[in-house]
N, C-alpha and C. Protein backbone atom coordinates (compact mmCIF):
# COMPACT_ATOMS: atom_id res chain seq x y z
N MET A 1 16.87 -96.33 2.37
CA MET A 1 16.57 -95.02 2.95
C MET A 1 16.52 -93.97 1.83
N ASP A 2 15.56 -93.08 1.93
CA ASP A 2 15.39 -92.02 0.94
C ASP A 2 16.52 -91.00 0.98
N ASN A 3 16.82 -90.46 -0.18
CA ASN A 3 17.72 -89.31 -0.22
C ASN A 3 16.97 -88.09 0.30
N LEU A 4 17.67 -87.24 1.02
CA LEU A 4 17.10 -85.98 1.49
C LEU A 4 17.60 -84.87 0.59
N LEU A 5 16.68 -84.03 0.14
CA LEU A 5 17.01 -82.93 -0.76
C LEU A 5 16.72 -81.60 -0.10
N SER A 6 17.58 -80.63 -0.37
CA SER A 6 17.31 -79.28 0.10
C SER A 6 16.17 -78.70 -0.73
N ILE A 7 15.66 -77.57 -0.31
CA ILE A 7 14.59 -76.91 -1.05
C ILE A 7 15.07 -76.60 -2.48
N THR A 8 16.29 -76.10 -2.60
CA THR A 8 16.84 -75.77 -3.92
C THR A 8 16.96 -77.01 -4.80
N GLU A 9 17.47 -78.11 -4.24
CA GLU A 9 17.61 -79.34 -5.01
C GLU A 9 16.25 -79.89 -5.42
N ALA A 10 15.29 -79.83 -4.50
CA ALA A 10 13.93 -80.33 -4.80
C ALA A 10 13.29 -79.49 -5.90
N SER A 11 13.47 -78.18 -5.86
CA SER A 11 12.87 -77.33 -6.89
C SER A 11 13.46 -77.62 -8.26
N LEU A 12 14.74 -77.92 -8.31
CA LEU A 12 15.37 -78.28 -9.58
C LEU A 12 14.86 -79.63 -10.10
N ARG A 13 14.65 -80.58 -9.19
CA ARG A 13 14.13 -81.90 -9.58
C ARG A 13 12.69 -81.80 -10.11
N LEU A 14 11.98 -80.77 -9.67
CA LEU A 14 10.60 -80.58 -10.12
C LEU A 14 10.53 -79.61 -11.30
N GLY A 15 11.57 -79.56 -12.06
CA GLY A 15 11.56 -78.76 -13.29
C GLY A 15 11.92 -77.31 -13.11
N GLY A 16 12.53 -76.98 -11.98
CA GLY A 16 12.97 -75.61 -11.77
C GLY A 16 11.90 -74.69 -11.22
N ILE A 17 10.89 -75.27 -10.54
CA ILE A 17 9.87 -74.40 -9.95
C ILE A 17 10.50 -73.54 -8.86
N SER A 18 9.84 -72.48 -8.51
CA SER A 18 10.35 -71.56 -7.51
C SER A 18 10.43 -72.21 -6.14
N LYS A 19 11.46 -71.85 -5.38
CA LYS A 19 11.56 -72.37 -4.01
C LYS A 19 10.40 -71.85 -3.17
N TRP A 20 9.85 -70.71 -3.54
CA TRP A 20 8.70 -70.16 -2.82
C TRP A 20 7.45 -71.00 -3.07
N THR A 21 7.36 -71.59 -4.26
CA THR A 21 6.27 -72.51 -4.55
C THR A 21 6.39 -73.74 -3.66
N LEU A 22 7.60 -74.25 -3.51
CA LEU A 22 7.81 -75.40 -2.63
C LEU A 22 7.44 -75.07 -1.19
N HIS A 23 7.81 -73.90 -0.73
CA HIS A 23 7.45 -73.50 0.64
C HIS A 23 5.93 -73.42 0.78
N ALA A 24 5.26 -72.93 -0.24
CA ALA A 24 3.79 -72.86 -0.21
C ALA A 24 3.20 -74.26 -0.16
N TRP A 25 3.75 -75.19 -0.94
CA TRP A 25 3.27 -76.57 -0.93
C TRP A 25 3.48 -77.21 0.43
N LEU A 26 4.60 -76.91 1.07
CA LEU A 26 4.86 -77.43 2.42
C LEU A 26 3.80 -76.90 3.39
N SER A 27 3.48 -75.62 3.27
CA SER A 27 2.48 -75.01 4.16
C SER A 27 1.09 -75.59 3.92
N LYS A 28 0.77 -75.91 2.68
CA LYS A 28 -0.56 -76.44 2.33
C LYS A 28 -0.67 -77.95 2.53
N GLY A 29 0.44 -78.61 2.82
CA GLY A 29 0.40 -80.05 3.05
C GLY A 29 0.58 -80.89 1.79
N LYS A 30 0.94 -80.27 0.68
CA LYS A 30 1.19 -81.04 -0.55
C LYS A 30 2.48 -81.85 -0.44
N LEU A 31 3.40 -81.36 0.36
CA LEU A 31 4.67 -82.04 0.64
C LEU A 31 4.88 -82.09 2.14
N GLN A 32 5.56 -83.14 2.58
CA GLN A 32 5.94 -83.22 3.99
C GLN A 32 7.42 -82.89 4.11
N ARG A 33 7.74 -82.11 5.12
CA ARG A 33 9.13 -81.74 5.35
C ARG A 33 9.78 -82.68 6.35
N THR A 34 11.09 -82.77 6.27
CA THR A 34 11.89 -83.47 7.25
C THR A 34 12.90 -82.46 7.76
N LYS A 35 12.90 -82.23 9.06
CA LYS A 35 13.84 -81.26 9.63
C LYS A 35 15.13 -81.97 10.02
N VAL A 36 16.24 -81.41 9.59
CA VAL A 36 17.57 -81.91 9.96
C VAL A 36 18.29 -80.72 10.58
N GLY A 37 18.37 -80.75 11.90
CA GLY A 37 18.87 -79.57 12.59
C GLY A 37 17.90 -78.43 12.32
N GLY A 38 18.38 -77.34 11.80
CA GLY A 38 17.52 -76.22 11.47
C GLY A 38 17.10 -76.19 10.00
N ARG A 39 17.56 -77.17 9.22
CA ARG A 39 17.29 -77.17 7.78
C ARG A 39 16.02 -77.94 7.45
N THR A 40 15.30 -77.43 6.47
CA THR A 40 14.14 -78.14 5.95
C THR A 40 14.60 -78.96 4.75
N MET A 41 14.35 -80.25 4.83
CA MET A 41 14.73 -81.17 3.76
C MET A 41 13.47 -81.88 3.28
N ILE A 42 13.51 -82.37 2.06
CA ILE A 42 12.39 -83.09 1.48
C ILE A 42 12.89 -84.44 1.01
N ARG A 43 12.18 -85.49 1.41
CA ARG A 43 12.54 -86.83 0.99
C ARG A 43 12.23 -87.00 -0.49
N GLU A 44 13.09 -87.74 -1.17
CA GLU A 44 12.90 -87.99 -2.59
C GLU A 44 11.56 -88.68 -2.85
N SER A 45 11.14 -89.54 -1.95
CA SER A 45 9.86 -90.24 -2.11
C SER A 45 8.69 -89.26 -2.07
N GLU A 46 8.83 -88.16 -1.32
CA GLU A 46 7.79 -87.13 -1.29
C GLU A 46 7.64 -86.46 -2.65
N LEU A 47 8.78 -86.22 -3.31
CA LEU A 47 8.72 -85.61 -4.65
C LEU A 47 8.02 -86.55 -5.63
N LYS A 48 8.32 -87.84 -5.52
CA LYS A 48 7.68 -88.82 -6.41
C LYS A 48 6.18 -88.84 -6.20
N LYS A 49 5.75 -88.74 -4.94
CA LYS A 49 4.31 -88.72 -4.65
C LYS A 49 3.63 -87.50 -5.28
N VAL A 50 4.27 -86.35 -5.16
CA VAL A 50 3.70 -85.12 -5.73
C VAL A 50 3.59 -85.25 -7.25
N ILE A 51 4.60 -85.81 -7.86
CA ILE A 51 4.57 -85.98 -9.32
C ILE A 51 3.45 -86.95 -9.71
N GLU A 52 3.34 -88.06 -8.99
CA GLU A 52 2.30 -89.05 -9.30
C GLU A 52 0.90 -88.51 -9.05
N GLU A 53 0.75 -87.68 -8.01
CA GLU A 53 -0.56 -87.14 -7.65
C GLU A 53 -0.89 -85.87 -8.40
N GLY A 54 0.05 -85.39 -9.19
CA GLY A 54 -0.19 -84.17 -9.95
C GLY A 54 -0.25 -82.92 -9.11
N GLY A 55 0.38 -82.95 -7.93
CA GLY A 55 0.42 -81.77 -7.07
C GLY A 55 -0.82 -81.58 -6.23
N GLU A 56 -1.75 -82.53 -6.24
CA GLU A 56 -2.98 -82.41 -5.47
C GLU A 56 -2.67 -82.58 -3.98
N SER A 57 -3.27 -81.77 -3.13
CA SER A 57 -2.96 -81.84 -1.71
C SER A 57 -3.55 -83.10 -1.08
N ARG A 58 -2.89 -83.58 -0.06
CA ARG A 58 -3.36 -84.77 0.65
C ARG A 58 -4.66 -84.49 1.37
N GLN A 59 -4.86 -83.26 1.85
CA GLN A 59 -6.10 -82.92 2.54
C GLN A 59 -7.28 -83.05 1.59
N LEU A 60 -7.13 -82.58 0.38
CA LEU A 60 -8.19 -82.70 -0.61
C LEU A 60 -8.47 -84.15 -0.92
N GLN A 61 -7.45 -84.97 -1.02
CA GLN A 61 -7.64 -86.39 -1.28
C GLN A 61 -8.41 -87.05 -0.15
N ARG A 62 -8.11 -86.69 1.10
CA ARG A 62 -8.83 -87.25 2.25
C ARG A 62 -10.30 -86.85 2.22
N ILE A 63 -10.56 -85.60 1.90
CA ILE A 63 -11.95 -85.11 1.83
C ILE A 63 -12.71 -85.87 0.75
N GLU A 64 -12.08 -86.06 -0.41
CA GLU A 64 -12.73 -86.79 -1.49
C GLU A 64 -13.03 -88.24 -1.09
N LYS A 65 -12.11 -88.88 -0.36
CA LYS A 65 -12.33 -90.25 0.09
C LYS A 65 -13.51 -90.33 1.06
N VAL A 66 -13.61 -89.34 1.97
CA VAL A 66 -14.70 -89.32 2.93
C VAL A 66 -16.02 -89.11 2.19
N ASN A 67 -16.04 -88.25 1.20
CA ASN A 67 -17.26 -87.97 0.45
C ASN A 67 -17.70 -89.17 -0.40
N GLU A 68 -16.76 -90.03 -0.77
CA GLU A 68 -17.09 -91.21 -1.56
C GLU A 68 -17.85 -92.24 -0.72
N LYS A 69 -17.63 -92.25 0.59
CA LYS A 69 -18.24 -93.26 1.47
C LYS A 69 -19.69 -93.03 1.71
């Protein structure tokens, strides 16, 4: 099971980026949130995906895949 990280913990793991940047990424679909009660948490595997994908949004990746067909 993945570790769940708070917004603050996730921002530190991503090199100290702003928590507001993380919230923007959540809104744009670059990261998926996991709600625990009223808290927004991010799975560690989600951070790994963002790092591997270079921060590219999943929506853009889907559009590119459709255009390739």
